[in-house]
Amino acid sequence: MALAQATTGKLNAPFASCEQARRGSAHSWRILNDNQETTMNITAELSLYPLMGDYVPTIQTYIDALNANDELEVRTNALSTEVFGEYTLVMQTIQALTYTVFCEEPAAVLVAKYVNRDRRDESQT
């Protein structure tokens, strides 16, 4: 496996195993494995805590917006929401939705955990 950045050539990070390619201003991460390119799927676990006012509509709107993206799999549990999908899509979606919440709410906390693999088969309990 090797790391390459499409715009600047190879990077010297011994721990890296992804290739970064530009899509406009966004980046897409791809894993190079035995000369075969595949996308990196990740798992994100999110907990949103609006700290003022009626918090339920804000959380429901955030979850509904995640579910509106057909390319993501979203599972809502009692204390968190899991998001499964391609790295760039997951990260950009979470970033955009969080920005909206942070602009609209006087105070909010987003707790996020990311795993660099797709754990949907492991988290179905």
Protein backbone atom coordinates (compact mmCIF):
# COMPACT_ATOMS: atom_id res chain seq x y z
CA MET A 1 0.00 0.00 0.00
CA ALA A 2 1.17 3.51 -0.71
CA LEU A 3 0.08 7.06 0.01
CA ALA A 4 -0.02 9.54 -2.80
CA GLN A 5 -1.52 12.99 -3.01
CA ALA A 6 -2.76 13.68 -6.51
CA THR A 7 -1.81 17.34 -6.48
CA THR A 8 1.65 17.22 -4.87
CA GLY A 9 3.00 13.71 -5.41
CA LYS A 10 3.92 11.18 -2.75
CA LEU A 11 3.95 12.00 0.94
CA ASN A 12 6.47 10.47 3.33
CA ALA A 13 4.08 9.37 6.06
CA PRO A 14 5.04 5.79 7.04
CA PHE A 15 1.64 5.11 8.62
CA ALA A 16 -0.53 6.32 5.74
CA SER A 17 -2.30 4.01 3.31
CA CYS A 18 -4.64 6.23 1.31
CA GLU A 19 -4.52 8.25 -1.87
CA GLN A 20 -6.07 11.69 -1.92
CA ALA A 21 -7.59 13.03 -5.12
CA ARG A 22 -9.32 16.36 -5.65
CA ARG A 23 -13.00 16.68 -6.49
CA GLY A 24 -13.35 20.41 -6.83
CA SER A 25 -12.45 21.76 -3.40
CA ALA A 26 -13.21 18.48 -1.62
CA HIS A 27 -10.92 15.50 -1.17
CA SER A 28 -11.75 11.87 -1.81
CA TRP A 29 -9.72 9.20 -0.02
CA ARG A 30 -9.01 5.95 -1.80
CA ILE A 31 -7.11 2.89 -0.65
CA LEU A 32 -4.55 1.44 -3.05
CA ASN A 33 -4.24 -2.28 -2.50
CA ASP A 34 -2.31 -4.56 -4.90
CA ASN A 35 -2.65 -2.04 -7.75
CA GLN A 36 -6.41 -2.05 -7.30
CA GLU A 37 -8.19 1.06 -6.13
CA THR A 38 -11.13 0.91 -3.70
CA THR A 39 -12.90 3.59 -1.70
CA MET A 40 -12.55 3.78 2.07
CA ASN A 41 -15.75 3.12 3.96
CA ILE A 42 -15.93 4.37 7.54
CA THR A 43 -18.22 4.33 10.54
CA ALA A 44 -19.13 7.47 12.48
CA GLU A 45 -20.96 7.45 15.81
CA LEU A 46 -22.59 10.77 16.64
CA SER A 47 -24.33 12.25 19.69
CA LEU A 48 -25.78 15.75 19.36
CA TYR A 49 -26.56 17.82 22.44
CA PRO A 50 -28.27 21.18 21.85
CA LEU A 51 -27.79 22.93 25.19
CA MET A 52 -30.65 25.40 25.15
CA GLY A 53 -34.38 25.34 24.44
CA ASP A 54 -36.39 22.47 23.03
CA TYR A 55 -33.61 20.12 21.87
CA VAL A 56 -35.69 17.31 20.31
CA PRO A 57 -36.57 19.09 17.01
CA THR A 58 -32.91 20.00 16.42
CA ILE A 59 -31.75 16.42 16.94
CA GLN A 60 -34.60 15.00 14.81
CA THR A 61 -33.85 17.44 11.97
CA TYR A 62 -30.16 16.42 12.05
CA ILE A 63 -31.05 12.71 11.94
CA ASP A 64 -33.63 13.26 9.19
CA ALA A 65 -31.03 15.10 7.09
CA LEU A 66 -28.59 12.20 7.53
CA ASN A 67 -31.31 9.76 6.45
CA ALA A 68 -32.12 11.89 3.39
CA ASN A 69 -28.81 10.87 1.82
CA ASP A 70 -29.44 7.54 0.08
CA GLU A 71 -25.70 6.83 -0.17
CA LEU A 72 -25.34 6.65 3.64
CA GLU A 73 -26.68 4.02 5.99
CA VAL A 74 -27.92 5.59 9.22
CA ARG A 75 -28.88 3.74 12.40
CA THR A 76 -30.36 5.63 15.30
CA ASN A 77 -29.99 4.21 18.80
CA ALA A 78 -31.12 5.53 22.19
CA LEU A 79 -27.93 7.55 22.82
CA SER A 80 -26.25 7.93 19.44
CA THR A 81 -26.58 7.67 15.69
CA GLU A 82 -24.27 5.54 13.56
CA VAL A 83 -23.42 6.60 10.01
CA PHE A 84 -21.86 4.18 7.52
CA GLY A 85 -20.50 5.10 4.12
CA GLU A 86 -17.70 6.38 1.94
CA TYR A 87 -15.19 8.54 3.84
CA THR A 88 -15.62 11.79 1.94
CA LEU A 89 -19.39 11.60 1.85
CA VAL A 90 -19.70 10.82 5.57
CA MET A 91 -17.31 13.60 6.57
CA GLN A 92 -18.79 16.25 4.26
CA THR A 93 -22.35 15.41 5.32
CA ILE A 94 -21.52 15.59 9.03
CA GLN A 95 -19.57 18.82 8.51
CA ALA A 96 -22.41 20.54 6.63
CA LEU A 97 -25.12 19.45 9.07
CA THR A 98 -23.04 20.37 12.11
CA TYR A 99 -22.28 23.80 10.67
CA THR A 100 -26.00 24.41 10.23
CA VAL A 101 -26.76 23.39 13.83
CA PHE A 102 -23.91 25.49 15.19
CA CYS A 103 -25.20 28.53 13.25
CA GLU A 104 -28.81 28.07 14.38
CA GLU A 105 -28.36 27.01 18.02
CA PRO A 106 -26.96 29.33 20.70
CA ALA A 107 -25.00 26.38 22.15
CA ALA A 108 -24.62 22.79 20.99
CA VAL A 109 -22.17 19.93 21.40
CA LEU A 110 -21.48 17.20 18.85
CA VAL A 111 -19.62 14.16 20.13
CA ALA A 112 -18.22 12.15 17.22
CA LYS A 113 -16.25 8.93 17.04
CA TYR A 114 -14.81 7.69 13.77
CA VAL A 115 -13.62 4.20 12.88
CA ASN A 116 -11.56 3.71 9.73
CA ARG A 117 -13.62 0.73 8.60
CA ASP A 118 -17.21 -0.19 7.93
CA ARG A 119 -18.58 -1.72 11.15
CA ARG A 120 -22.20 -2.14 10.09
CA ASP A 121 -22.01 -5.94 10.38
CA GLU A 122 -20.47 -5.66 13.85
CA SER A 123 -22.97 -3.17 15.26
CA GLN A 124 -26.32 -4.76 14.47
CA THR A 125 -27.08 -5.70 18.06
